[in-house]
Protein backbone atom coordinates (compact mmCIF):
# COMPACT_ATOMS: atom_id res chain seq x y z
CA MET A 1 -0.02 -0.05 -0.05
CA GLU A 2 2.90 2.40 0.80
CA LYS A 3 4.30 1.87 -2.56
CA ILE A 4 1.12 2.51 -4.39
CA ILE A 5 0.40 5.62 -2.27
CA LEU A 6 4.06 6.85 -3.05
CA ARG A 7 3.62 6.06 -6.68
CA LYS A 8 0.38 8.00 -6.88
CA ILE A 9 2.26 10.84 -4.99
CA ILE A 10 5.11 10.92 -7.39
CA LEU A 11 2.88 10.65 -10.31
CA ASN A 12 0.81 13.60 -9.07
CA PHE A 13 3.92 15.61 -8.19
CA THR A 14 5.48 14.70 -11.74
CA PHE A 15 2.14 16.24 -13.23
CA ILE A 16 2.39 19.34 -10.95
CA PHE A 17 6.07 19.72 -12.02
CA MET A 18 5.40 19.53 -15.48
CA ALA A 19 2.59 22.00 -15.19
CA THR A 20 4.66 24.21 -13.09
CA PHE A 21 7.62 23.93 -15.60
CA LEU A 22 5.45 24.69 -18.64
CA VAL A 23 3.83 27.68 -16.80
CA SER A 24 7.31 29.07 -15.69
CA VAL A 25 8.73 28.77 -19.19
CA THR A 26 5.85 30.44 -20.74
CA VAL A 27 6.11 33.16 -18.37
CA MET A 28 9.69 33.34 -18.98
CA PHE A 29 9.09 33.66 -22.80
CA SER A 30 6.31 36.23 -22.23
CA ILE A 31 8.49 38.32 -20.15
CA LYS A 32 11.32 38.14 -22.78
CA ASN A 33 8.81 39.04 -25.60
CA SER A 34 7.38 41.97 -23.38
CA LEU A 35 10.87 43.32 -22.50
CA ALA A 36 11.89 43.14 -26.29
CA LYS A 37 8.65 44.99 -27.18
CA ASP A 38 9.15 47.38 -24.69
CA ASP A 39 12.76 48.11 -25.63
CA LEU A 40 11.41 48.56 -29.32
CA SER A 41 8.96 50.91 -28.16
CA GLN A 42 11.56 52.94 -26.16
CA MET A 43 13.85 52.91 -29.01
CA ILE A 44 11.36 54.11 -31.59
CA SER A 45 9.71 56.78 -29.13
CA GLN A 46 13.39 58.18 -28.73
CA VAL A 47 13.87 58.36 -32.48
CA GLU A 48 10.38 59.89 -32.82
CA GLY A 49 11.46 62.61 -30.36
CA THR A 50 14.66 63.10 -32.31
CA TYR A 51 12.69 63.26 -35.51
CA ASP A 52 10.47 66.13 -34.11
CA GLN A 53 13.65 67.85 -33.20
CA SER A 54 15.32 67.37 -36.58
CA GLU A 55 12.16 68.79 -38.36
CA GLU A 56 12.12 71.93 -36.18
CA LYS A 57 15.93 72.24 -36.79
CA LEU A 58 15.54 71.59 -40.55
CA LYS A 59 12.79 74.16 -40.68
CA SER A 60 15.04 76.67 -38.89
CA ASN A 61 17.81 76.01 -41.08
CA GLU A 62 15.56 76.36 -44.17
CA GLU A 63 14.46 79.77 -42.94
CA VAL A 64 18.03 80.74 -42.44
CA PHE A 65 18.88 79.45 -45.87
CA LYS A 66 16.07 81.45 -47.48
CA SER A 67 16.96 84.68 -45.52
CA TYR A 68 20.65 84.26 -46.50
CA TYR A 69 20.15 83.96 -50.18
CA LEU A 70 17.23 86.40 -50.31
CA ASN A 71 19.63 89.04 -48.91
CA ARG A 72 22.18 87.95 -51.47
CA VAL A 73 19.47 88.72 -54.41
CA TYR A 74 18.91 92.19 -52.75
CA ALA A 75 22.78 92.76 -52.39
CA ILE A 76 23.00 91.79 -56.29
CA ASP A 77 20.15 94.23 -57.10
CA TYR A 78 22.08 96.85 -55.14
CA ILE A 79 25.40 96.21 -56.81
CA LEU A 80 23.81 96.36 -60.27
CA SER A 81 21.78 99.43 -59.64
CA ASN A 82 24.82 101.36 -58.45
CA ASN A 83 27.05 100.53 -61.43
CA PRO A 84 26.91 102.11 -64.89
CA LYS A 85 24.72 100.39 -67.44
CA GLU A 86 27.72 99.76 -69.77
CA ASN A 87 29.30 97.65 -67.17
CA LEU A 88 26.23 95.24 -67.04
CA ASN A 89 27.27 92.05 -69.15
CA ILE A 90 27.89 88.42 -68.85
CA GLU A 91 31.45 88.90 -67.44
CA SER A 92 30.12 91.26 -64.55
CA LEU A 93 27.43 88.85 -63.69
CA GLU A 94 30.01 85.93 -63.59
CA LYS A 95 32.06 87.78 -61.20
CA ILE A 96 29.03 88.57 -58.98
CA SER A 97 27.89 84.83 -59.00
CA GLN A 98 31.34 83.93 -58.00
CA LEU A 99 31.42 86.56 -55.32
CA MET A 100 28.03 85.53 -53.88
CA ASP A 101 28.66 81.65 -54.28
CA ILE A 102 25.58 81.00 -56.56
CA GLU A 103 25.14 79.29 -59.76
CA ALA A 104 23.72 81.92 -62.10
CA ILE A 105 22.09 85.37 -62.22
CA TYR A 106 19.19 86.01 -64.53
CA LEU A 107 17.76 89.49 -65.39
CA ILE A 108 14.00 89.10 -66.61
CA ASP A 109 12.21 91.93 -68.49
CA ASN A 110 8.46 92.67 -68.08
CA ASN A 111 7.56 90.24 -70.75
CA GLY A 112 9.08 87.23 -68.83
CA ILE A 113 12.16 86.95 -71.15
CA ILE A 114 15.60 86.35 -69.80
CA VAL A 115 17.43 89.10 -71.45
CA LEU A 116 20.87 88.89 -69.65
CA SER A 117 22.47 85.91 -67.49
CA ASP A 118 25.87 84.51 -66.88
CA ASP A 119 24.25 81.15 -67.96
CA GLU A 120 24.39 82.03 -71.71
CA SER A 121 22.13 79.01 -72.56
CA SER A 122 19.20 80.43 -70.69
CA ILE A 123 19.20 84.02 -72.43
CA GLY A 124 16.21 84.31 -74.43
CA LEU A 125 14.03 81.74 -72.59
CA ASP A 126 10.38 82.85 -72.03
CA LEU A 127 9.47 82.10 -68.41
CA LEU A 128 5.89 83.09 -68.84
CA ASN A 129 5.38 80.21 -71.34
CA SER A 130 7.16 77.60 -69.10
CA LYS A 131 5.27 75.67 -66.90
CA SER A 132 8.37 74.94 -64.43
CA ALA A 133 8.50 78.71 -63.85
CA HIS A 134 4.88 79.21 -62.94
CA LYS A 135 5.61 80.55 -59.40
CA PHE A 136 7.41 83.27 -60.83
CA TRP A 137 4.56 84.50 -63.28
CA LYS A 138 2.92 86.61 -60.61
CA LEU A 139 6.25 88.23 -59.59
CA ILE A 140 7.00 89.21 -63.12
CA LYS A 141 3.68 91.01 -63.59
CA SER A 142 3.63 92.37 -59.99
CA ASN A 143 4.19 96.22 -59.50
CA ASN A 144 4.88 95.73 -55.69
CA SER A 145 8.56 96.33 -55.18
CA ASN A 146 8.42 94.03 -52.04
CA ASP A 147 7.42 90.91 -53.60
CA TYR A 148 9.72 88.07 -53.97
CA VAL A 149 9.58 84.25 -54.69
CA ILE A 150 11.57 81.51 -53.24
CA ASP A 151 11.17 78.09 -55.16
CA LEU A 152 13.05 75.44 -53.13
CA ASP A 153 11.74 72.51 -55.32
CA ALA A 154 12.11 74.18 -58.72
CA ILE A 155 13.06 72.31 -61.99
CA SER A 156 15.28 74.14 -64.57
CA ILE A 157 13.71 74.88 -68.11
CA ILE A 158 16.79 73.43 -69.69
CA GLY A 159 17.84 69.95 -68.61
CA ASN A 160 15.12 69.52 -66.06
CA GLU A 161 17.54 69.72 -63.28
CA GLU A 162 16.43 70.19 -59.58
CA LYS A 163 17.34 73.88 -58.74
CA ILE A 164 16.60 76.25 -56.10
CA TYR A 165 15.41 79.82 -57.72
CA ILE A 166 15.02 83.12 -55.66
CA GLY A 167 13.74 86.25 -57.45
CA ILE A 168 12.89 89.63 -56.30
CA LYS A 169 11.33 92.67 -58.02
CA SER A 170 14.41 94.70 -59.59
CA THR A 171 15.10 98.31 -59.09
CA LEU A 172 16.85 98.47 -62.47
CA GLU A 173 14.73 100.32 -65.05
CA ASP A 174 14.90 97.94 -67.88
CA TYR A 175 14.29 94.74 -65.67
CA SER A 176 11.28 93.35 -63.84
CA VAL A 177 12.76 90.63 -61.80
CA ILE A 178 16.33 89.65 -60.68
CA GLN A 179 16.43 85.74 -60.20
CA ILE A 180 19.32 83.61 -59.00
CA ALA A 181 19.89 79.89 -59.15
CA VAL A 182 21.41 77.93 -56.13
CA ASP A 183 22.54 74.18 -56.27
CA ARG A 184 20.18 72.07 -54.17
CA GLU A 185 23.25 70.63 -52.39
CA ALA A 186 23.75 73.93 -50.75
CA LEU A 187 20.51 73.59 -48.80
CA LYS A 188 21.22 69.85 -48.15
CA SER A 189 24.51 70.56 -46.80
CA ILE A 190 23.23 73.13 -44.41
CA GLY A 191 20.68 70.54 -42.79
CA GLU A 192 22.56 67.30 -43.50
CA LYS A 193 23.76 66.81 -39.90
CA ASP A 194 20.37 67.70 -38.53
CA SER A 195 18.39 65.46 -40.83
CA ILE A 196 16.67 62.22 -39.29
CA GLN A 197 18.36 60.14 -41.79
CA TYR A 198 21.90 61.40 -40.70
CA ILE A 199 21.07 61.28 -37.04
CA ILE A 200 19.73 57.49 -37.44
CA LYS A 201 22.94 56.62 -39.12
CA SER A 202 24.93 58.10 -36.47
CA ILE A 203 23.09 56.46 -33.54
CA PRO A 204 25.49 54.00 -31.82
CA THR A 205 23.71 50.58 -31.38
CA ILE A 206 24.92 47.02 -30.68
CA TYR A 207 24.87 44.82 -33.44
CA GLU A 208 21.71 42.80 -32.54
CA ARG A 209 19.48 46.20 -32.29
CA THR A 210 18.90 48.13 -35.44
CA ILE A 211 17.04 51.33 -36.20
CA PHE A 212 16.01 52.36 -39.64
CA ILE A 213 13.91 54.94 -41.60
CA VAL A 214 12.04 54.36 -44.74
CA ASN A 215 10.39 56.89 -47.16
CA GLU A 216 6.75 55.80 -46.86
CA GLU A 217 5.91 57.09 -50.50
CA THR A 218 8.85 55.47 -52.38
CA GLY A 219 9.65 52.56 -50.05
CA SER A 220 13.33 53.54 -50.09
CA LEU A 221 15.57 52.77 -47.06
CA GLU A 222 16.84 56.33 -46.28
CA GLY A 223 18.79 55.56 -43.08
CA ILE A 224 19.93 52.63 -41.01
CA THR A 225 22.18 52.48 -38.05
CA VAL A 226 25.76 52.14 -39.50
CA ASN A 227 27.18 49.43 -37.46
CA ASN A 228 24.27 47.11 -38.47
CA GLU A 229 23.39 45.29 -41.87
CA GLN A 230 22.60 47.92 -44.34
CA ASP A 231 19.85 45.82 -46.13
CA LEU A 232 16.34 45.54 -44.92
CA VAL A 233 14.72 42.55 -46.82
CA PHE A 234 11.74 40.57 -45.60
CA ASP A 235 11.29 36.89 -46.61
CA GLY A 236 8.69 36.69 -49.37
CA ILE A 237 8.50 40.17 -50.18
CA ASP A 238 10.07 41.50 -53.38
CA ASN A 239 8.23 44.74 -54.40
CA ASN A 240 7.92 48.13 -52.68
CA LYS A 241 4.04 48.09 -52.30
CA ASP A 242 4.18 44.96 -50.27
CA PHE A 243 7.30 46.20 -48.39
CA ILE A 244 5.44 49.26 -47.30
CA LYS A 245 2.41 47.11 -46.45
CA LYS A 246 4.52 45.02 -44.22
CA LEU A 247 5.95 47.75 -42.48
CA HIS A 248 2.53 49.13 -41.78
CA ASP A 249 1.60 45.70 -40.35
CA LEU A 250 4.43 45.86 -37.85
CA THR A 251 3.16 48.79 -36.06
CA LYS A 252 2.34 46.15 -33.25
CA ALA A 253 5.66 44.53 -32.44
CA SER A 254 5.74 41.04 -33.78
CA LEU A 255 8.30 38.41 -34.97
CA ALA A 256 9.38 38.55 -38.59
CA LYS A 257 12.35 37.07 -40.75
CA ILE A 258 14.52 39.86 -41.82
CA ASN A 259 17.68 39.33 -43.94
CA GLY A 260 17.39 35.56 -43.34
CA LYS A 261 17.06 35.82 -39.41
CA TYR A 262 14.26 36.13 -37.00
CA ARG A 263 13.88 39.37 -35.34
CA TYR A 264 11.34 41.40 -33.21
CA VAL A 265 10.22 44.30 -35.29
CA LYS A 266 8.21 47.43 -34.56
CA THR A 267 7.41 50.40 -36.76
CA ARG A 268 5.71 53.76 -36.39
CA ILE A 269 4.42 56.18 -38.98
CA VAL A 270 5.91 59.66 -38.50
CA GLY A 271 5.31 62.30 -41.07
CA ASP A 272 6.34 61.05 -44.53
CA TYR A 273 8.61 58.33 -43.14
CA ILE A 274 8.28 54.93 -41.33
CA ILE A 275 10.54 54.79 -38.53
CA GLY A 276 11.32 51.17 -37.25
CA GLY A 277 13.65 49.06 -35.10
CA TYR A 278 14.21 45.37 -34.70
CA ILE A 279 16.20 43.06 -32.15
CA ASP A 280 17.62 39.75 -33.14
CA ALA A 281 15.37 36.99 -31.63
CA ASP A 282 18.60 35.08 -30.66
CA PHE A 283 19.73 38.21 -28.62
CA VAL A 284 16.17 38.25 -26.87
CA TYR A 285 16.42 34.59 -25.88
CA ASN A 286 20.12 34.57 -25.00
CA GLY A 287 20.73 33.02 -21.69
CA LEU A 288 17.16 31.63 -21.73
CA ALA A 289 18.35 28.05 -22.02
CA LEU A 290 20.44 28.34 -18.97
CA GLU A 291 17.81 30.11 -17.17
CA ILE A 292 15.44 27.14 -17.97
CA ILE A 293 17.99 24.72 -16.62
CA TYR A 294 18.37 26.59 -13.49
CA LEU A 295 14.51 26.92 -13.24
CA THR A 296 14.13 23.06 -13.89
CA LEU A 297 16.90 22.10 -11.27
CA GLY A 298 15.20 24.45 -8.62
CA ILE A 299 11.69 23.15 -9.26
CA LEU A 300 13.10 19.54 -9.28
CA ILE A 301 14.74 20.18 -5.93
CA VAL A 302 11.86 21.70 -4.30
CA PHE A 303 9.59 18.84 -5.47
CA LEU A 304 11.98 16.19 -4.20
CA VAL A 305 12.13 17.81 -0.90
CA MET A 306 8.44 18.13 -0.76
CA ILE A 307 7.89 14.37 -1.78
CA LEU A 308 10.24 13.34 1.11
CA ILE A 309 8.51 15.39 3.56
CA PHE A 310 5.15 14.33 2.33
CA LYS A 311 6.40 10.61 2.59
CA PHE A 312 7.58 11.17 6.19
CA ILE A 313 4.25 12.76 7.21
CA MET A 314 2.15 10.04 5.29
CA LYS A 315 4.11 7.36 7.10
CA LYS A 316 3.99 8.85 10.50
CA TYR A 317 0.49 10.30 10.71
CA ILE A 318 -1.47 8.06 8.18
CA LEU A 319 0.02 4.81 6.93
CA THR A 320 0.99 3.38 10.32
CA ASP A 321 -2.62 3.64 11.54
CA ILE A 322 -3.88 2.44 8.02
CA PHE A 323 -1.75 -0.65 8.26
CA SER A 324 -3.00 -1.40 11.73
CA ILE A 325 -6.68 -1.03 10.68
CA GLY A 326 -6.03 -3.16 7.67
CA LYS A 327 -4.58 -6.00 9.61
CA ASN A 328 -7.44 -5.92 12.12
CA ILE A 329 -10.08 -5.85 9.23
CA LYS A 330 -8.55 -9.05 7.85
CA SER A 331 -8.71 -10.69 11.20
CA LEU A 332 -12.44 -9.41 11.32
CA ILE A 333 -13.20 -11.01 7.74
CA THR A 334 -11.97 -14.44 8.95
CA GLY A 335 -14.49 -14.25 11.84
CA ASN A 336 -12.17 -13.07 14.67
CA TYR A 337 -14.20 -10.56 16.74
CA ASN A 338 -11.72 -10.35 19.64
CA ILE A 339 -9.92 -7.34 18.01
CA GLU A 340 -9.95 -3.62 18.81
CA PHE A 341 -9.45 -0.95 16.11
CA ASP A 342 -7.16 1.68 17.57
CA VAL A 343 -4.85 4.50 16.04
CA MET A 344 -1.92 6.29 17.39
CA GLN A 345 -2.48 9.67 16.03
CA GLU A 346 -5.23 12.15 16.43
CA THR A 347 -6.43 12.12 12.93
CA GLU A 348 -9.66 11.63 11.12
CA LEU A 349 -8.74 7.86 11.30
CA LYS A 350 -9.52 7.98 14.96
CA GLU A 351 -13.10 8.23 13.93
CA VAL A 352 -12.81 5.74 11.42
CA ALA A 353 -11.49 3.31 14.03
CA ARG A 354 -14.36 4.05 16.43
CA MET A 355 -16.86 3.24 13.36
CA LEU A 356 -14.96 -0.10 12.63
CA ASN A 357 -15.53 -1.10 16.36
CA TYR A 358 -19.10 -0.28 16.06
CA LEU A 359 -19.31 -2.46 12.86
CA LYS A 360 -17.48 -5.09 14.47
CA ASP A 361 -19.88 -5.28 17.28
CA SER A 362 -22.83 -5.10 15.01
CA TYR A 363 -21.61 -8.00 12.81
CA LYS A 364 -20.83 -10.06 15.99
CA TYR A 365 -24.37 -10.09 17.04
CA LYS A 366 -25.96 -9.87 13.66
CA SER A 367 -26.78 -13.55 13.20
CA GLU A 368 -28.15 -13.77 16.71
CA ARG A 369 -30.41 -10.85 16.16
CA MET A 370 -31.70 -11.95 12.73
CA THR A 371 -32.46 -15.34 14.30
CA ARG A 372 -34.41 -13.88 17.32
CA ILE A 373 -36.48 -11.53 14.98
CA MET A 374 -37.44 -14.48 12.74
CA SER A 375 -38.39 -16.70 15.52
CA THR A 376 -40.69 -14.13 16.96
CA ILE A 377 -42.33 -13.54 13.52
CA SER A 378 -42.45 -17.17 12.20
CA SER A 379 -40.53 -20.30 12.18
CA HIS A 380 -41.32 -20.71 8.39
CA ILE A 381 -39.48 -17.61 7.41
CA ALA A 382 -35.57 -17.44 7.12
CA ILE A 383 -33.57 -14.37 6.08
CA PHE A 384 -30.03 -13.98 4.70
CA GLU A 385 -27.38 -11.21 3.81
CA CYS A 386 -24.30 -11.59 1.83
CA LEU A 387 -21.77 -8.77 2.15
CA TYR A 388 -19.11 -9.07 -0.48
CA LEU A 389 -17.10 -6.16 0.89
CA ILE A 390 -15.86 -8.24 3.94
CA ASN A 391 -16.61 -11.62 2.27
CA ARG A 392 -19.20 -12.74 5.04
CA ASN A 393 -22.76 -14.31 5.11
CA PHE A 394 -25.23 -13.69 7.60
CA PHE A 395 -28.17 -16.33 8.02
CA SER A 396 -31.09 -16.88 10.56
CA ASP A 397 -30.63 -20.13 12.30
CA ASN A 398 -33.53 -21.83 10.51
CA ILE A 399 -32.22 -21.29 6.95
CA GLN A 400 -30.69 -24.63 6.44
CA GLU A 401 -33.79 -26.51 7.62
CA ILE A 402 -36.09 -24.56 5.31
CA LEU A 403 -33.83 -25.00 2.32
CA GLY A 404 -33.83 -28.80 3.21
CA LEU A 405 -30.23 -29.19 2.77
CA ASP A 406 -27.74 -31.75 4.37
CA ASP A 407 -24.89 -30.49 6.41
CA GLU A 408 -22.38 -31.26 3.59
CA SER A 409 -24.44 -29.10 0.96
CA TRP A 410 -24.94 -26.45 3.33
CA GLU A 411 -21.18 -26.26 4.19
CA GLU A 412 -20.42 -25.94 0.43
CA ILE A 413 -22.68 -22.94 -0.27
CA SER A 414 -22.63 -21.04 3.03
CA LYS A 415 -19.09 -20.04 3.29
CA GLU A 416 -18.68 -17.48 0.63
CA PRO A 417 -21.33 -14.83 -0.70
CA LYS A 418 -20.81 -15.57 -4.21
CA LYS A 419 -21.65 -19.33 -4.05
CA PHE A 420 -24.70 -18.69 -1.88
CA GLN A 421 -26.01 -16.07 -4.24
CA ASN A 422 -25.51 -18.49 -7.25
CA TYR A 423 -27.34 -21.12 -5.41
CA ILE A 424 -30.50 -18.91 -4.65
CA GLU A 425 -30.50 -17.45 -8.07
CA SER A 426 -30.53 -20.90 -9.46
CA ILE A 427 -33.70 -22.12 -7.66
CA GLU A 428 -35.45 -18.75 -7.57
CA LYS A 429 -38.27 -17.93 -9.87
CA SER A 430 -39.70 -14.33 -9.78
CA GLY A 431 -43.13 -14.34 -8.11
CA SER A 432 -43.33 -18.24 -8.14
CA VAL A 433 -43.34 -20.97 -5.49
CA VAL A 434 -40.56 -23.45 -6.23
CA ASN A 435 -40.35 -27.07 -5.25
CA VAL A 436 -36.86 -27.39 -3.65
CA ASN A 437 -35.86 -30.80 -2.02
CA ASN A 438 -39.61 -31.59 -1.59
CA LYS A 439 -40.30 -28.34 0.03
CA PHE A 440 -42.36 -25.30 -1.58
CA LEU A 441 -40.53 -22.22 -1.12
CA SER A 442 -41.12 -18.55 -2.01
CA ILE A 443 -37.81 -16.64 -2.26
CA VAL A 444 -37.47 -12.85 -2.42
CA SER A 445 -33.98 -11.40 -2.87
CA PHE A 446 -32.39 -8.05 -3.64
CA LYS A 447 -29.07 -7.15 -5.18
CA LYS A 448 -27.09 -4.07 -4.59
CA GLU A 449 -23.38 -3.14 -5.10
CA GLY A 450 -21.48 -5.29 -2.83
CA GLU A 451 -24.61 -6.95 -1.18
CA PHE A 452 -27.11 -9.50 -1.61
CA TYR A 453 -29.94 -10.04 0.65
CA GLY A 454 -33.50 -11.35 1.14
CA MET A 455 -35.86 -13.81 2.71
CA ILE A 456 -37.19 -17.31 2.15
CA LEU A 457 -40.75 -18.37 3.00
CA ASP A 458 -41.71 -22.12 3.66
CA LYS A 459 -45.04 -22.50 1.91
CA THR A 460 -45.10 -26.31 1.90
CA TYR A 461 -48.04 -26.59 4.24
CA GLU A 462 -50.14 -24.00 2.30
CA GLU A 463 -49.18 -25.74 -1.09
CA GLU A 464 -50.14 -29.28 0.27
CA ALA A 465 -53.36 -27.91 1.64
CA ARG A 466 -54.23 -26.10 -1.62
CA ASN A 467 -53.60 -29.28 -3.64
CA ARG A 468 -55.87 -31.20 -1.22
CA ILE A 469 -58.73 -28.58 -1.80
CA GLU A 470 -57.99 -28.64 -5.50
CA LYS A 471 -58.29 -32.31 -5.57
CA ILE A 472 -61.56 -32.42 -3.71
CA SER A 473 -63.13 -29.82 -6.03
CA GLU A 474 -62.11 -32.02 -9.03
CA THR A 475 -63.60 -35.33 -7.53
CA ASP A 476 -67.10 -36.59 -8.04
CA GLY A 477 -68.43 -37.30 -4.31
CA LEU A 478 -70.20 -40.46 -5.31
CA THR A 479 -68.01 -42.29 -7.65
CA LYS A 480 -64.63 -40.80 -6.62
CA LEU A 481 -64.03 -40.15 -10.36
CA LEU A 482 -63.11 -36.98 -11.82
CA ASN A 483 -66.05 -34.52 -12.07
CA ARG A 484 -66.61 -32.20 -15.16
CA ARG A 485 -64.14 -29.58 -13.81
CA GLY A 486 -61.43 -32.21 -13.26
CA LEU A 487 -62.00 -33.53 -16.80
CA GLU A 488 -61.62 -30.07 -18.30
CA ASN A 489 -58.55 -29.29 -16.47
CA ARG A 490 -56.80 -32.54 -17.52
CA LEU A 491 -57.82 -31.96 -21.15
CA LYS A 492 -56.55 -28.34 -21.06
CA ASP A 493 -53.20 -29.64 -19.86
CA ILE A 494 -53.05 -32.45 -22.52
CA PHE A 495 -53.96 -30.02 -25.11
CA LYS A 496 -51.27 -27.58 -24.22
CA SER A 497 -48.57 -30.27 -24.80
CA ASN A 498 -47.43 -31.27 -28.17
CA ASN A 499 -49.12 -34.53 -28.13
CA SER A 500 -52.81 -33.67 -28.26
CA ASN A 501 -54.17 -36.84 -30.05
CA GLY A 502 -56.48 -39.32 -28.24
CA VAL A 503 -59.97 -40.84 -28.17
CA LEU A 504 -62.91 -39.52 -26.37
CA ILE A 505 -65.59 -42.07 -25.22
CA ILE A 506 -68.99 -40.96 -23.84
CA PHE A 507 -71.15 -43.42 -21.88
CA ASP A 508 -74.89 -43.05 -20.92
CA LEU A 509 -76.84 -45.46 -18.91
CA ASP A 510 -80.05 -46.37 -20.64
CA ASN A 511 -83.25 -46.27 -18.43
CA PHE A 512 -81.34 -45.35 -15.46
CA LYS A 513 -84.19 -43.18 -14.45
CA SER A 514 -86.45 -46.02 -14.09
CA VAL A 515 -84.11 -47.64 -11.68
CA ASN A 516 -84.32 -44.67 -9.42
CA ASP A 517 -88.15 -44.39 -9.83
CA ILE A 518 -88.65 -48.00 -9.22
CA LEU A 519 -85.95 -49.04 -6.82
CA GLY A 520 -85.04 -45.68 -5.33
CA HIS A 521 -82.15 -43.52 -5.44
CA PRO A 522 -79.83 -45.30 -3.01
CA ILE A 523 -80.05 -48.30 -5.48
CA GLY A 524 -79.36 -45.88 -8.24
CA ASP A 525 -76.34 -44.54 -6.51
CA GLU A 526 -75.01 -48.25 -5.86
CA VAL A 527 -75.53 -48.85 -9.82
CA LEU A 528 -73.30 -45.66 -10.45
CA LYS A 529 -70.61 -46.85 -8.14
CA ILE A 530 -70.52 -50.31 -9.80
CA PHE A 531 -70.38 -48.79 -13.23
CA SER A 532 -67.52 -46.54 -12.18
CA ARG A 533 -65.53 -49.45 -10.76
CA CYS A 534 -66.20 -51.28 -14.10
CA LEU A 535 -64.68 -48.31 -15.92
CA THR A 536 -61.68 -48.07 -13.65
CA ASN A 537 -60.96 -51.81 -14.04
CA SER A 538 -61.39 -51.78 -17.82
CA PHE A 539 -59.14 -48.82 -18.61
CA ARG A 540 -55.50 -48.03 -18.06
CA GLU A 541 -54.26 -45.84 -14.98
CA ASN A 542 -53.22 -43.00 -17.35
CA ASP A 543 -56.54 -42.85 -19.12
CA ILE A 544 -58.91 -40.10 -17.91
CA ILE A 545 -62.27 -41.41 -16.53
CA SER A 546 -64.85 -38.80 -15.44
CA ARG A 547 -68.28 -38.74 -14.46
CA ILE A 548 -69.75 -35.50 -15.86
CA GLY A 549 -73.21 -35.57 -14.45
CA GLY A 550 -76.21 -37.98 -13.74
CA ASP A 551 -75.56 -41.22 -15.65
CA GLU A 552 -73.13 -39.86 -18.05
CA PHE A 553 -69.51 -40.78 -18.08
CA VAL A 554 -66.58 -39.89 -20.33
CA VAL A 555 -63.36 -41.71 -20.85
CA PHE A 556 -60.36 -39.93 -22.76
CA ILE A 557 -57.65 -42.21 -24.08
CA ASN A 558 -54.48 -40.00 -24.48
CA ASP A 559 -52.98 -42.07 -27.41
CA GLU A 560 -53.70 -43.05 -31.06
CA LEU A 561 -55.05 -46.21 -31.17
CA SER A 562 -54.23 -48.69 -34.11
CA SER A 563 -57.01 -49.44 -36.45
């Protein structure tokens, strides 16, 4: 029993250990995932803050750039207006361009024609008929000397190159507008170090952590931390549309395969850009295997200690008393009532021992009580109870006599509950009186899990009395032959059997009435008796002979007679 209990304990503790292990590992994975996602959120939030600062700085730089070059245009206008007209030529414009560090100067008349420029290829161009110069149309026609135009995203008429054009209303008599061209790189160089792209490239990160920025419109990778891989390739994605959609889907941090490795990725839409970051999954779970090993060892040690403690407690406070109770129960089953159930510890088994002592005393006097009750009720009733749990039978003292069994037969069936139950069920017929060993018995039994009990009623006297009454009711009182009722009952029994062939003979005494009338009824009765004896002597014992009334007799021969 101790081994079984210990095996069950170990089995249950193993199940608990596995459940605890799985829950702990799941929690550890969850914590690692949560930490990785939090790190990504913090990384992106910091970059987002930097982006806002960068945008403010770029706007400030742009305003400085505009003001700086706008002042240069006003300076050019001042220089030109304070020099003789004969000195105004291509060479003088070239010198001023070099002095002002610009690409070209354009002098535009009231018709929108470039009439003079150090860029000779542009002389003669009509700005009013060029869509790329549409921002300057209103300025050319304006009469307000304070008007000016700054086009940072201009496209040159010749060559379709990206340029920056700045124009003001000219104070020169023959010109409407003075315009300068500035290389776009000049603006880029001013804000290059303040751009988010430059800042991201300059962010120091460990190899396993990466920050990147992607143009949302074009899908181009515009910046990535310099000490990381300089590619951003998702498995299964080979076009910009799907690439941008994938980045949008990753606004909630999740696992994705980038550049052939699994990484935790999170993105955020900021302005015209998608800022994102990723952390290598290997880095997230670095050391997790060792942590799981330590966790497993820790849980295992705790559970082993718990099993040993539980085993000690079970043995001291439960098993010792259980073994003692079990030993006494075995003695009780064999019929030894001279035992006492007792326990050493003050546990619930104390109450169990008390109840077992009560049951022991109950079983000890059970047969005696049953016999006393039955003897008070009737000597023709016997009761029995078979208890499989303790492998014991209890009978009233008169049961062997009522069953009509000899000592050997009774010894054979009375020792074990199963044998006695099989015997009773073999002779029992529901609701019927059965003939057992020349006794007429009525048996009522009940089956319940672990129990079989009931009573046996001896109805021999009642059955014999009923047979005597039945025989009298079927007998003719004068001739002692069967009467009409007896004949009918016998014929019914015969016709129920398979062999229903036979010969029916009817006798009628002629002029019997004259015997009664002349000689009297006593003589007539003697005649009937004599005739009945003649029939009895003339037919076989198994032939049915009956007086059915007056001088009428019937004989039924229950056989086929040969012709």
